[in-house]
PDB file of N, CA and C in Angstrom:
ATOM      1  N   UNK A   1     182.754 100.390 145.287  1.00  0.00           N
ATOM      2  CA  UNK A   1     183.386 101.140 144.205  1.00  0.00           C
ATOM      3  C   UNK A   1     182.404 102.237 143.434  1.00  0.00           C
ATOM      4  N   UNK A   2     182.795 103.284 143.323  1.00  0.00           N
ATOM      5  CA  UNK A   2     181.699 104.011 142.257  1.00  0.00           C
ATOM      6  C   UNK A   2     182.206 103.851 141.082  1.00  0.00           C
ATOM      7  N   UNK A   3     181.210 103.859 140.188  1.00  0.00           N
ATOM      8  CA  UNK A   3     181.748 103.460 138.681  1.00  0.00           C
ATOM      9  C   UNK A   3     181.812 104.899 137.720  1.00  0.00           C
ATOM     10  N   UNK A   4     182.142 106.002 138.527  1.00  0.00           N
ATOM     11  CA  UNK A   4     182.300 107.100 137.830  1.00  0.00           C
ATOM     12  C   UNK A   4     183.224 108.072 138.572  1.00  0.00           C
ATOM     13  N   UNK A   5     183.367 109.271 138.096  1.00  0.00           N
ATOM     14  CA  UNK A   5     184.637 110.112 138.696  1.00  0.00           C
ATOM     15  C   UNK A   5     184.016 111.157 138.173  1.00  0.00           C
ATOM     16  N   UNK A   6     183.926 112.403 138.678  1.00  0.00           N
ATOM     17  CA  UNK A   6     183.810 113.798 138.820  1.00  0.00           C
ATOM     18  C   UNK A   6     185.141 114.651 138.369  1.00  0.00           C
ATOM     19  N   UNK A   7     185.171 115.079 137.773  1.00  0.00           N
ATOM     20  CA  UNK A   7     186.424 116.059 137.820  1.00  0.00           C
ATOM     21  C   UNK A   7     186.247 117.241 137.958  1.00  0.00           C
ATOM     22  N   UNK A   8     187.008 117.587 138.957  1.00  0.00           N
ATOM     23  CA  UNK A   8     186.903 119.219 139.920  1.00  0.00           C
ATOM     24  C   UNK A   8     187.941 119.878 139.955  1.00  0.00           C
ATOM     25  N   UNK A   9     188.663 119.037 139.343  1.00  0.00           N
ATOM     26  CA  UNK A   9     190.341 120.057 139.437  1.00  0.00           C
ATOM     27  C   UNK A   9     191.008 119.480 138.393  1.00  0.00           C
ATOM     28  N   UNK A  10     190.503 120.059 136.574  1.00  0.00           N
ATOM     29  CA  UNK A  10     191.148 119.739 136.285  1.00  0.00           C
ATOM     30  C   UNK A  10     192.702 120.027 136.078  1.00  0.00           C
ATOM     31  N   UNK A  11     193.939 119.339 135.020  1.00  0.00           N
ATOM     32  CA  UNK A  11     195.038 119.797 134.854  1.00  0.00           C
ATOM     33  C   UNK A  11     195.468 121.598 134.280  1.00  0.00           C
ATOM     34  N   UNK A  12     195.715 122.162 134.825  1.00  0.00           N
ATOM     35  CA  UNK A  12     195.862 123.913 133.771  1.00  0.00           C
ATOM     36  C   UNK A  12     197.478 123.622 133.492  1.00  0.00           C
ATOM     37  N   UNK A  13     197.277 123.302 131.885  1.00  0.00           N
ATOM     38  CA  UNK A  13     198.532 123.035 130.642  1.00  0.00           C
ATOM     39  C   UNK A  13     199.473 124.183 130.899  1.00  0.00           C
ATOM     40  N   UNK A  14     200.826 124.308 131.597  1.00  0.00           N
ATOM     41  CA  UNK A  14     201.441 125.742 131.607  1.00  0.00           C
ATOM     42  C   UNK A  14     201.524 125.891 130.297  1.00  0.00           C
ATOM     43  N   UNK A  15     201.249 127.390 129.380  1.00  0.00           N
ATOM     44  CA  UNK A  15     201.695 127.849 127.999  1.00  0.00           C
ATOM     45  C   UNK A  15     202.462 129.263 128.072  1.00  0.00           C
ATOM     46  N   UNK A  16     202.629 129.405 126.935  1.00  0.00           N
ATOM     47  CA  UNK A  16     203.562 130.647 126.837  1.00  0.00           C
ATOM     48  C   UNK A  16     202.655 131.587 125.914  1.00  0.00           C
ATOM     49  N   UNK A  17     201.923 131.023 125.302  1.00  0.00           N
ATOM     50  CA  UNK A  17     201.191 131.998 124.272  1.00  0.00           C
ATOM     51  C   UNK A  17     199.825 132.795 124.442  1.00  0.00           C
ATOM     52  N   UNK A  18     199.393 132.395 125.803  1.00  0.00           N
ATOM     53  CA  UNK A  18     197.894 132.976 126.283  1.00  0.00           C
ATOM     54  C   UNK A  18     196.790 132.258 126.020  1.00  0.00           C
ATOM     55  N   UNK A  19     196.913 130.892 125.333  1.00  0.00           N
ATOM     56  CA  UNK A  19     196.199 129.984 125.877  1.00  0.00           C
ATOM     57  C   UNK A  19     195.565 129.413 127.059  1.00  0.00           C
ATOM     58  N   UNK A  20     194.434 129.001 127.178  1.00  0.00           N
ATOM     59  CA  UNK A  20     194.061 128.392 128.390  1.00  0.00           C
ATOM     60  C   UNK A  20     193.866 126.921 128.414  1.00  0.00           C
ATOM     61  N   UNK A  21     194.427 126.313 128.485  1.00  0.00           N
ATOM     62  CA  UNK A  21     193.817 124.428 128.225  1.00  0.00           C
ATOM     63  C   UNK A  21     193.780 123.745 129.640  1.00  0.00           C
ATOM     64  N   UNK A  22     192.593 123.340 130.157  1.00  0.00           N
ATOM     65  CA  UNK A  22     191.967 122.806 131.126  1.00  0.00           C
ATOM     66  C   UNK A  22     191.865 120.988 130.471  1.00  0.00           C
ATOM     67  N   UNK A  23     192.659 120.428 130.686  1.00  0.00           N
ATOM     68  CA  UNK A  23     192.525 118.847 130.840  1.00  0.00           C
ATOM     69  C   UNK A  23     191.983 118.376 131.777  1.00  0.00           C
ATOM     70  N   UNK A  24     190.725 117.990 131.475  1.00  0.00           N
ATOM     71  CA  UNK A  24     189.936 117.047 132.511  1.00  0.00           C
ATOM     72  C   UNK A  24     190.472 115.619 132.681  1.00  0.00           C
ATOM     73  N   UNK A  25     190.083 115.209 131.788  1.00  0.00           N
ATOM     74  CA  UNK A  25     190.742 113.737 131.693  1.00  0.00           C
ATOM     75  C   UNK A  25     191.776 113.403 130.173  1.00  0.00           C
ATOM     76  N   UNK A  26     192.384 112.332 130.675  1.00  0.00           N
ATOM     77  CA  UNK A  26     193.773 112.349 129.845  1.00  0.00           C
ATOM     78  C   UNK A  26     194.982 111.824 130.314  1.00  0.00           C
ATOM     79  N   UNK A  27     196.009 112.123 130.062  1.00  0.00           N
ATOM     80  CA  UNK A  27     197.557 111.393 130.663  1.00  0.00           C
ATOM     81  C   UNK A  27     197.192 112.608 131.672  1.00  0.00           C
ATOM     82  N   UNK A  28     197.640 113.476 131.655  1.00  0.00           N
ATOM     83  CA  UNK A  28     197.924 114.722 132.864  1.00  0.00           C
ATOM     84  C   UNK A  28     196.840 114.476 134.173  1.00  0.00           C
ATOM     85  N   UNK A  29     195.996 114.512 133.674  1.00  0.00           N
ATOM     86  CA  UNK A  29     194.991 114.365 134.600  1.00  0.00           C
ATOM     87  C   UNK A  29     194.607 113.544 135.653  1.00  0.00           C
ATOM     88  N   UNK A  30     194.245 112.084 134.737  1.00  0.00           N
ATOM     89  CA  UNK A  30     193.921 110.476 135.148  1.00  0.00           C
ATOM     90  C   UNK A  30     194.373 109.490 134.623  1.00  0.00           C
ATOM     91  N   UNK A  31     195.731 110.068 133.968  1.00  0.00           N
ATOM     92  CA  UNK A  31     196.369 108.520 133.440  1.00  0.00           C
ATOM     93  C   UNK A  31     195.530 108.022 132.421  1.00  0.00           C
ATOM     94  N   UNK A  32     195.060 108.559 131.672  1.00  0.00           N
ATOM     95  CA  UNK A  32     193.831 107.469 130.896  1.00  0.00           C
ATOM     96  C   UNK A  32     194.743 107.708 129.446  1.00  0.00           C
ATOM     97  N   UNK A  33     195.040 106.733 128.999  1.00  0.00           N
ATOM     98  CA  UNK A  33     196.071 106.697 127.741  1.00  0.00           C
ATOM     99  C   UNK A  33     194.874 106.661 126.350  1.00  0.00           C
ATOM    100  N   UNK A  34     193.950 106.418 126.998  1.00  0.00           N
ATOM    101  CA  UNK A  34     193.154 106.408 125.402  1.00  0.00           C
ATOM    102  C   UNK A  34     192.256 107.447 125.077  1.00  0.00           C
ATOM    103  N   UNK A  35     192.089 108.212 126.124  1.00  0.00           N
ATOM    104  CA  UNK A  35     190.986 109.576 125.731  1.00  0.00           C
ATOM    105  C   UNK A  35     191.463 110.652 126.414  1.00  0.00           C
ATOM    106  N   UNK A  36     191.535 111.674 125.781  1.00  0.00           N
ATOM    107  CA  UNK A  36     191.398 113.242 126.365  1.00  0.00           C
ATOM    108  C   UNK A  36     190.424 114.073 126.233  1.00  0.00           C
ATOM    109  N   UNK A  37     190.319 114.913 127.431  1.00  0.00           N
ATOM    110  CA  UNK A  37     189.029 115.756 126.936  1.00  0.00           C
ATOM    111  C   UNK A  37     189.839 117.109 127.707  1.00  0.00           C
ATOM    112  N   UNK A  38     189.763 118.038 127.298  1.00  0.00           N
ATOM    113  CA  UNK A  38     190.454 119.387 127.679  1.00  0.00           C
ATOM    114  C   UNK A  38     189.222 120.721 126.976  1.00  0.00           C
ATOM    115  N   UNK A  39     189.050 121.649 128.032  1.00  0.00           N
ATOM    116  CA  UNK A  39     188.576 122.968 127.689  1.00  0.00           C
ATOM    117  C   UNK A  39     189.408 123.909 127.311  1.00  0.00           C
ATOM    118  N   UNK A  40     189.374 124.810 125.753  1.00  0.00           N
ATOM    119  CA  UNK A  40     189.977 125.526 125.759  1.00  0.00           C
ATOM    120  C   UNK A  40     189.607 126.703 125.669  1.00  0.00           C
ATOM    121  N   UNK A  41     190.539 128.094 125.770  1.00  0.00           N
ATOM    122  CA  UNK A  41     190.090 129.216 125.298  1.00  0.00           C
ATOM    123  C   UNK A  41     191.529 129.645 124.578  1.00  0.00           C
ATOM    124  N   UNK A  42     191.332 129.974 122.719  1.00  0.00           N
ATOM    125  CA  UNK A  42     192.131 130.541 122.573  1.00  0.00           C
ATOM    126  C   UNK A  42     192.692 132.240 122.123  1.00  0.00           C
ATOM    127  N   UNK A  43     193.160 132.729 122.572  1.00  0.00           N
ATOM    128  CA  UNK A  43     192.924 134.377 122.506  1.00  0.00           C
ATOM    129  C   UNK A  43     193.354 134.737 120.814  1.00  0.00           C
ATOM    130  N   UNK A  44     192.500 135.775 120.916  1.00  0.00           N
ATOM    131  CA  UNK A  44     192.876 136.519 119.279  1.00  0.00           C
ATOM    132  C   UNK A  44     194.411 136.658 119.197  1.00  0.00           C
ATOM    133  N   UNK A  45     194.010 136.193 117.883  1.00  0.00           N
ATOM    134  CA  UNK A  45     195.760 136.355 117.256  1.00  0.00           C
ATOM    135  C   UNK A  45     196.099 135.454 117.235  1.00  0.00           C
ATOM    136  N   UNK A  46     196.025 134.106 118.319  1.00  0.00           N
ATOM    137  CA  UNK A  46     196.805 132.842 118.701  1.00  0.00           C
ATOM    138  C   UNK A  46     196.905 131.866 117.425  1.00  0.00           C
ATOM    139  N   UNK A  47     197.998 131.218 117.687  1.00  0.00           N
ATOM    140  CA  UNK A  47     198.263 130.361 116.015  1.00  0.00           C
ATOM    141  C   UNK A  47     199.202 129.232 117.014  1.00  0.00           C
ATOM    142  N   UNK A  48     199.189 127.743 116.193  1.00  0.00           N
ATOM    143  CA  UNK A  48     200.312 127.041 116.664  1.00  0.00           C
ATOM    144  C   UNK A  48     200.967 126.672 115.630  1.00  0.00           C
ATOM    145  N   UNK A  49     202.288 126.140 115.570  1.00  0.00           N
ATOM    146  CA  UNK A  49     202.873 125.393 114.088  1.00  0.00           C
ATOM    147  C   UNK A  49     201.940 124.308 113.603  1.00  0.00           C
ATOM    148  N   UNK A  50     202.216 123.963 112.377  1.00  0.00           N
ATOM    149  CA  UNK A  50     201.714 122.765 111.650  1.00  0.00           C
ATOM    150  C   UNK A  50     202.071 121.483 112.265  1.00  0.00           C
ATOM    151  N   UNK A  51     201.234 120.914 112.592  1.00  0.00           N
ATOM    152  CA  UNK A  51     201.152 119.525 113.175  1.00  0.00           C
ATOM    153  C   UNK A  51     200.879 118.181 112.195  1.00  0.00           C
ATOM    154  N   UNK A  52     201.603 116.764 112.943  1.00  0.00           N
ATOM    155  CA  UNK A  52     200.628 116.123 112.306  1.00  0.00           C
ATOM    156  C   UNK A  52     200.768 114.867 113.584  1.00  0.00           C
ATOM    157  N   UNK A  53     199.567 115.141 114.333  1.00  0.00           N
ATOM    158  CA  UNK A  53     199.208 114.125 115.385  1.00  0.00           C
ATOM    159  C   UNK A  53     199.016 112.882 114.982  1.00  0.00           C
ATOM    160  N   UNK A  54     199.425 112.069 116.263  1.00  0.00           N
ATOM    161  CA  UNK A  54     198.922 110.171 115.991  1.00  0.00           C
ATOM    162  C   UNK A  54     198.318 109.905 116.763  1.00  0.00           C
ATOM    163  N   UNK A  55     196.767 110.846 116.695  1.00  0.00           N
ATOM    164  CA  UNK A  55     195.660 110.681 117.356  1.00  0.00           C
ATOM    165  C   UNK A  55     194.414 111.684 116.311  1.00  0.00           C
ATOM    166  N   UNK A  56     193.258 110.966 116.642  1.00  0.00           N
ATOM    167  CA  UNK A  56     192.312 111.643 115.865  1.00  0.00           C
ATOM    168  C   UNK A  56     192.119 113.129 117.212  1.00  0.00           C
ATOM    169  N   UNK A  57     191.199 113.872 116.605  1.00  0.00           N
ATOM    170  CA  UNK A  57     190.845 114.855 117.241  1.00  0.00           C
ATOM    171  C   UNK A  57     189.921 115.480 116.695  1.00  0.00           C
ATOM    172  N   UNK A  58     188.826 115.602 118.027  1.00  0.00           N
ATOM    173  CA  UNK A  58     187.481 115.962 117.811  1.00  0.00           C
ATOM    174  C   UNK A  58     187.465 117.811 118.503  1.00  0.00           C
ATOM    175  N   UNK A  59     187.226 118.490 117.831  1.00  0.00           N
ATOM    176  CA  UNK A  59     186.832 119.857 118.327  1.00  0.00           C
ATOM    177  C   UNK A  59     185.331 120.224 118.446  1.00  0.00           C
ATOM    178  N   UNK A  60     185.029 120.905 119.441  1.00  0.00           N
ATOM    179  CA  UNK A  60     183.681 121.205 119.458  1.00  0.00           C
ATOM    180  C   UNK A  60     183.854 122.578 120.219  1.00  0.00           C
ATOM    181  N   UNK A  61     183.345 123.625 119.181  1.00  0.00           N
ATOM    182  CA  UNK A  61     183.024 125.446 119.406  1.00  0.00           C
ATOM    183  C   UNK A  61     182.093 125.886 120.434  1.00  0.00           C
ATOM    184  N   UNK A  62     182.508 126.517 121.355  1.00  0.00           N
ATOM    185  CA  UNK A  62     181.547 126.615 122.604  1.00  0.00           C
ATOM    186  C   UNK A  62     181.201 128.372 122.141  1.00  0.00           C
ATOM    187  N   UNK A  63     182.191 129.194 121.400  1.00  0.00           N
ATOM    188  CA  UNK A  63     182.229 130.359 120.929  1.00  0.00           C
ATOM    189  C   UNK A  63     183.493 130.956 120.206  1.00  0.00           C
ATOM    190  N   UNK A  64     183.079 132.112 119.622  1.00  0.00           N
ATOM    191  CA  UNK A  64     183.845 132.400 118.866  1.00  0.00           C
ATOM    192  C   UNK A  64     184.294 131.369 117.679  1.00  0.00           C
ATOM    193  N   UNK A  65     185.114 132.139 116.960  1.00  0.00           N
ATOM    194  CA  UNK A  65     185.740 130.773 115.497  1.00  0.00           C
ATOM    195  C   UNK A  65     187.131 130.213 116.001  1.00  0.00           C
ATOM    196  N   UNK A  66     187.441 129.406 115.054  1.00  0.00           N
ATOM    197  CA  UNK A  66     188.594 128.762 115.035  1.00  0.00           C
ATOM    198  C   UNK A  66     188.992 128.415 113.750  1.00  0.00           C
ATOM    199  N   UNK A  67     190.442 128.707 113.242  1.00  0.00           N
ATOM    200  CA  UNK A  67     190.610 128.519 112.008  1.00  0.00           C
ATOM    201  C   UNK A  67     191.796 127.007 112.201  1.00  0.00           C
ATOM    202  N   UNK A  68     191.301 126.398 111.013  1.00  0.00           N
ATOM    203  CA  UNK A  68     191.927 125.227 110.843  1.00  0.00           C
ATOM    204  C   UNK A  68     192.842 125.065 109.263  1.00  0.00           C
ATOM    205  N   UNK A  69     193.906 124.869 108.759  1.00  0.00           N
ATOM    206  CA  UNK A  69     194.391 124.631 107.542  1.00  0.00           C
ATOM    207  C   UNK A  69     194.944 123.136 107.799  1.00  0.00           C
ATOM    208  N   UNK A  70     193.851 122.147 106.945  1.00  0.00           N
ATOM    209  CA  UNK A  70     194.152 121.187 106.977  1.00  0.00           C
ATOM    210  C   UNK A  70     194.613 120.706 105.515  1.00  0.00           C
ATOM    211  N   UNK A  71     195.790 120.326 105.161  1.00  0.00           N
ATOM    212  CA  UNK A  71     196.279 120.010 103.532  1.00  0.00           C
ATOM    213  C   UNK A  71     195.789 120.781 103.156  1.00  0.00           C
ATOM    214  N   UNK A  72     195.978 121.819 103.000  1.00  0.00           N
ATOM    215  CA  UNK A  72     196.420 123.162 102.432  1.00  0.00           C
ATOM    216  C   UNK A  72     194.672 123.863 101.918  1.00  0.00           C
ATOM    217  N   UNK A  73     193.860 123.208 102.970  1.00  0.00           N
ATOM    218  CA  UNK A  73     192.697 123.861 102.898  1.00  0.00           C
ATOM    219  C   UNK A  73     192.268 124.321 103.937  1.00  0.00           C
ATOM    220  N   UNK A  74     191.674 125.560 103.958  1.00  0.00           N
ATOM    221  CA  UNK A  74     191.192 126.408 105.229  1.00  0.00           C
ATOM    222  C   UNK A  74     190.121 126.583 105.527  1.00  0.00           C
ATOM    223  N   UNK A  75     189.702 126.179 106.553  1.00  0.00           N
ATOM    224  CA  UNK A  75     187.986 125.767 107.242  1.00  0.00           C
ATOM    225  C   UNK A  75     188.125 126.606 108.810  1.00  0.00           C
ATOM    226  N   UNK A  76     187.133 127.212 108.804  1.00  0.00           N
ATOM    227  CA  UNK A  76     186.952 128.208 109.927  1.00  0.00           C
ATOM    228  C   UNK A  76     185.322 127.528 110.423  1.00  0.00           C
ATOM    229  N   UNK A  77     185.720 127.315 112.008  1.00  0.00           N
ATOM    230  CA  UNK A  77     184.278 126.676 112.132  1.00  0.00           C
ATOM    231  C   UNK A  77     183.748 127.760 113.385  1.00  0.00           C
ATOM    232  N   UNK A  78     182.610 127.962 113.806  1.00  0.00           N
ATOM    233  CA  UNK A  78     181.895 129.048 114.706  1.00  0.00           C
ATOM    234  C   UNK A  78     181.185 128.574 115.635  1.00  0.00           C
ATOM    235  N   UNK A  79     180.633 129.064 116.886  1.00  0.00           N
ATOM    236  CA  UNK A  79     179.975 128.225 117.891  1.00  0.00           C
ATOM    237  C   UNK A  79     178.645 127.479 117.455  1.00  0.00           C
ATOM    238  N   UNK A  80     178.797 125.890 118.039  1.00  0.00           N
ATOM    239  CA  UNK A  80     177.789 125.523 117.517  1.00  0.00           C
ATOM    240  C   UNK A  80     178.399 124.455 116.734  1.00  0.00           C
ATOM    241  N   UNK A  81     179.662 124.201 115.886  1.00  0.00           N
ATOM    242  CA  UNK A  81     180.031 123.765 114.906  1.00  0.00           C
ATOM    243  C   UNK A  81     181.201 122.740 115.508  1.00  0.00           C
ATOM    244  N   UNK A  82     181.241 121.720 115.000  1.00  0.00           N
ATOM    245  CA  UNK A  82     182.421 120.442 115.020  1.00  0.00           C
ATOM    246  C   UNK A  82     182.854 119.947 114.209  1.00  0.00           C
ATOM    247  N   UNK A  83     184.346 119.514 114.437  1.00  0.00           N
ATOM    248  CA  UNK A  83     184.956 118.543 112.816  1.00  0.00           C
ATOM    249  C   UNK A  83     185.513 117.611 113.692  1.00  0.00           C
ATOM    250  N   UNK A  84     185.836 116.661 113.020  1.00  0.00           N
ATOM    251  CA  UNK A  84     186.723 115.325 113.754  1.00  0.00           C
ATOM    252  C   UNK A  84     188.030 115.717 112.679  1.00  0.00           C
ATOM    253  N   UNK A  85     189.242 115.434 113.097  1.00  0.00           N
ATOM    254  CA  UNK A  85     190.499 115.586 112.346  1.00  0.00           C
ATOM    255  C   UNK A  85     191.432 113.847 112.745  1.00  0.00           C
ATOM    256  N   UNK A  86     191.246 112.856 111.620  1.00  0.00           N
ATOM    257  CA  UNK A  86     191.570 111.906 111.627  1.00  0.00           C
ATOM    258  C   UNK A  86     193.254 111.939 111.840  1.00  0.00           C
ATOM    259  N   UNK A  87     193.752 111.202 112.529  1.00  0.00           N
ATOM    260  CA  UNK A  87     195.565 110.814 112.261  1.00  0.00           C
ATOM    261  C   UNK A  87     196.375 110.655 111.867  1.00  0.00           C
ATOM    262  N   UNK A  88     197.307 111.132 112.038  1.00  0.00           N
ATOM    263  CA  UNK A  88     198.226 111.424 110.892  1.00  0.00           C
ATOM    264  C   UNK A  88     197.859 112.600 109.856  1.00  0.00           C
ATOM    265  N   UNK A  89     197.001 113.557 110.115  1.00  0.00           N
ATOM    266  CA  UNK A  89     196.495 114.476 108.773  1.00  0.00           C
ATOM    267  C   UNK A  89     197.345 115.610 109.429  1.00  0.00           C
ATOM    268  N   UNK A  90     198.321 116.527 108.441  1.00  0.00           N
ATOM    269  CA  UNK A  90     198.489 117.825 108.845  1.00  0.00           C
ATOM    270  C   UNK A  90     197.908 118.932 108.678  1.00  0.00           C
ATOM    271  N   UNK A  91     197.940 119.395 110.053  1.00  0.00           N
ATOM    272  CA  UNK A  91     196.923 120.455 110.274  1.00  0.00           C
ATOM    273  C   UNK A  91     197.611 121.766 111.290  1.00  0.00           C
ATOM    274  N   UNK A  92     197.205 122.719 111.272  1.00  0.00           N
ATOM    275  CA  UNK A  92     197.685 124.268 111.763  1.00  0.00           C
ATOM    276  C   UNK A  92     195.981 124.762 112.292  1.00  0.00           C
ATOM    277  N   UNK A  93     196.355 125.020 113.587  1.00  0.00           N
ATOM    278  CA  UNK A  93     194.945 125.475 114.279  1.00  0.00           C
ATOM    279  C   UNK A  93     195.243 126.921 115.008  1.00  0.00           C
ATOM    280  N   UNK A  94     194.479 127.576 114.460  1.00  0.00           N
ATOM    281  CA  UNK A  94     194.557 129.353 114.875  1.00  0.00           C
ATOM    282  C   UNK A  94     193.711 130.338 115.671  1.00  0.00           C
ATOM    283  N   UNK A  95     193.608 130.945 115.838  1.00  0.00           N
ATOM    284  CA  UNK A  95     192.574 131.914 116.019  1.00  0.00           C
ATOM    285  C   UNK A  95     192.922 133.607 115.527  1.00  0.00           C
ATOM    286  N   UNK A  96     192.794 133.800 114.388  1.00  0.00           N
ATOM    287  CA  UNK A  96     193.357 134.935 113.906  1.00  0.00           C
ATOM    288  C   UNK A  96     191.952 135.898 113.834  1.00  0.00           C
ATOM    289  N   UNK A  97     191.259 135.604 114.579  1.00  0.00           N
ATOM    290  CA  UNK A  97     189.761 136.740 114.488  1.00  0.00           C
ATOM    291  C   UNK A  97     190.397 137.624 115.616  1.00  0.00           C
ATOM    292  N   UNK A  98     189.074 138.723 115.857  1.00  0.00           N
ATOM    293  CA  UNK A  98     189.341 139.430 117.315  1.00  0.00           C
ATOM    294  C   UNK A  98     188.870 139.016 118.302  1.00  0.00           C
ATOM    295  N   UNK A  99     188.072 138.106 118.590  1.00  0.00           N
ATOM    296  CA  UNK A  99     187.623 137.634 119.561  1.00  0.00           C
ATOM    297  C   UNK A  99     188.013 136.231 120.197  1.00  0.00           C
ATOM    298  N   UNK A 100     188.079 136.077 121.687  1.00  0.00           N
ATOM    299  CA  UNK A 100     188.764 134.699 122.150  1.00  0.00           C
ATOM    300  C   UNK A 100     187.607 133.605 121.106  1.00  0.00           C
ATOM    301  N   UNK A 101     188.361 131.927 121.191  1.00  0.00           N
ATOM    302  CA  UNK A 101     187.600 131.023 121.012  1.00  0.00           C
ATOM    303  C   UNK A 101     187.238 130.172 121.906  1.00  0.00           C
ATOM    304  N   UNK A 102     186.263 129.886 122.538  1.00  0.00           N
ATOM    305  CA  UNK A 102     186.438 128.628 123.849  1.00  0.00           C
ATOM    306  C   UNK A 102     185.988 127.329 122.912  1.00  0.00           C
ATOM    307  N   UNK A 103     186.782 126.926 123.129  1.00  0.00           N
ATOM    308  CA  UNK A 103     186.360 124.764 122.512  1.00  0.00           C
ATOM    309  C   UNK A 103     186.755 123.676 123.606  1.00  0.00           C
ATOM    310  N   UNK A 104     185.900 122.754 122.836  1.00  0.00           N
ATOM    311  CA  UNK A 104     186.387 121.567 123.842  1.00  0.00           C
ATOM    312  C   UNK A 104     187.194 120.446 122.962  1.00  0.00           C
ATOM    313  N   UNK A 105     187.948 119.717 123.473  1.00  0.00           N
ATOM    314  CA  UNK A 105     188.855 118.896 122.267  1.00  0.00           C
ATOM    315  C   UNK A 105     188.805 117.658 122.970  1.00  0.00           C
ATOM    316  N   UNK A 106     188.630 116.709 122.394  1.00  0.00           N
ATOM    317  CA  UNK A 106     188.549 115.344 122.310  1.00  0.00           C
ATOM    318  C   UNK A 106     189.456 114.766 121.481  1.00  0.00           C
ATOM    319  N   UNK A 107     190.544 113.967 122.165  1.00  0.00           N
ATOM    320  CA  UNK A 107     191.676 113.023 121.357  1.00  0.00           C
ATOM    321  C   UNK A 107     191.824 111.483 121.931  1.00  0.00           C
ATOM    322  N   UNK A 108     191.781 111.075 120.835  1.00  0.00           N
ATOM    323  CA  UNK A 108     191.827 109.396 121.160  1.00  0.00           C
ATOM    324  C   UNK A 108     192.790 108.957 119.986  1.00  0.00           C
ATOM    325  N   UNK A 109     194.064 108.228 120.501  1.00  0.00           N
ATOM    326  CA  UNK A 109     194.114 107.847 122.066  1.00  0.00           C
ATOM    327  C   UNK A 109     194.418 109.324 122.483  1.00  0.00           C
ATOM    328  N   UNK A 110     194.794 109.605 123.970  1.00  0.00           N
ATOM    329  CA  UNK A 110     195.170 110.749 124.593  1.00  0.00           C
ATOM    330  C   UNK A 110     195.976 111.643 124.030  1.00  0.00           C
ATOM    331  N   UNK A 111     196.026 112.906 124.024  1.00  0.00           N
ATOM    332  CA  UNK A 111     196.982 113.649 123.668  1.00  0.00           C
ATOM    333  C   UNK A 111     198.245 113.754 124.273  1.00  0.00           C
ATOM    334  N   UNK A 112     199.231 113.841 123.488  1.00  0.00           N
ATOM    335  CA  UNK A 112     200.341 113.453 124.197  1.00  0.00           C
ATOM    336  C   UNK A 112     201.657 114.358 123.289  1.00  0.00           C
ATOM    337  N   UNK A 113     202.699 115.400 124.206  1.00  0.00           N
ATOM    338  CA  UNK A 113     203.481 115.905 123.693  1.00  0.00           C
ATOM    339  C   UNK A 113     204.313 115.169 122.179  1.00  0.00           C
ATOM    340  N   UNK A 114     204.712 113.994 123.085  1.00  0.00           N
ATOM    341  CA  UNK A 114     205.421 113.003 121.998  1.00  0.00           C
ATOM    342  C   UNK A 114     204.798 112.694 120.944  1.00  0.00           C
ATOM    343  N   UNK A 115     203.079 112.778 120.839  1.00  0.00           N
ATOM    344  CA  UNK A 115     202.528 112.184 119.469  1.00  0.00           C
ATOM    345  C   UNK A 115     202.099 113.062 118.976  1.00  0.00           C
ATOM    346  N   UNK A 116     202.619 114.338 119.024  1.00  0.00           N
ATOM    347  CA  UNK A 116     201.846 115.921 118.322  1.00  0.00           C
ATOM    348  C   UNK A 116     202.249 116.030 117.054  1.00  0.00           C
ATOM    349  N   UNK A 117     203.787 115.955 117.005  1.00  0.00           N
ATOM    350  CA  UNK A 117     204.727 116.045 115.851  1.00  0.00           C
ATOM    351  C   UNK A 117     204.474 117.429 115.323  1.00  0.00           C
ATOM    352  N   UNK A 118     204.977 118.399 116.089  1.00  0.00           N
ATOM    353  CA  UNK A 118     204.267 119.510 115.802  1.00  0.00           C
ATOM    354  C   UNK A 118     206.093 119.853 115.236  1.00  0.00           C
ATOM    355  N   UNK A 119     205.832 121.007 113.845  1.00  0.00           N
ATOM    356  CA  UNK A 119     207.082 121.434 113.453  1.00  0.00           C
ATOM    357  C   UNK A 119     207.487 122.627 113.773  1.00  0.00           C
ATOM    358  N   UNK A 120     208.487 122.725 113.218  1.00  0.00           N
ATOM    359  CA  UNK A 120     209.517 123.429 113.840  1.00  0.00           C
ATOM    360  C   UNK A 120     209.091 124.789 113.580  1.00  0.00           C
TER     361      UNK A 120
END
């Protein structure tokens, strides 16, 4: 038995906001509850509601820029930069810029809609 798994068919998460989410590892693809790894592209003008996730989230920016509002502090990351946001931290993610933002997101434990705690 092989001691590795190469993901060739990530789960494309259905969205209504134009954001591409390809989950390579996590609950939706590999039923791994410990970690999720997703490739994402947020279009210009995209944003999500504030949320207080029950998981740590690491983000690495491949191209473009992404804005984070963390506890009322606005942070902008650019290509080549990364951030770790600790679980139970109130955060809002957005791309208020003119170009798409491509990035990798890693959550531990794995992302789940039940544990993201998005505000209305």
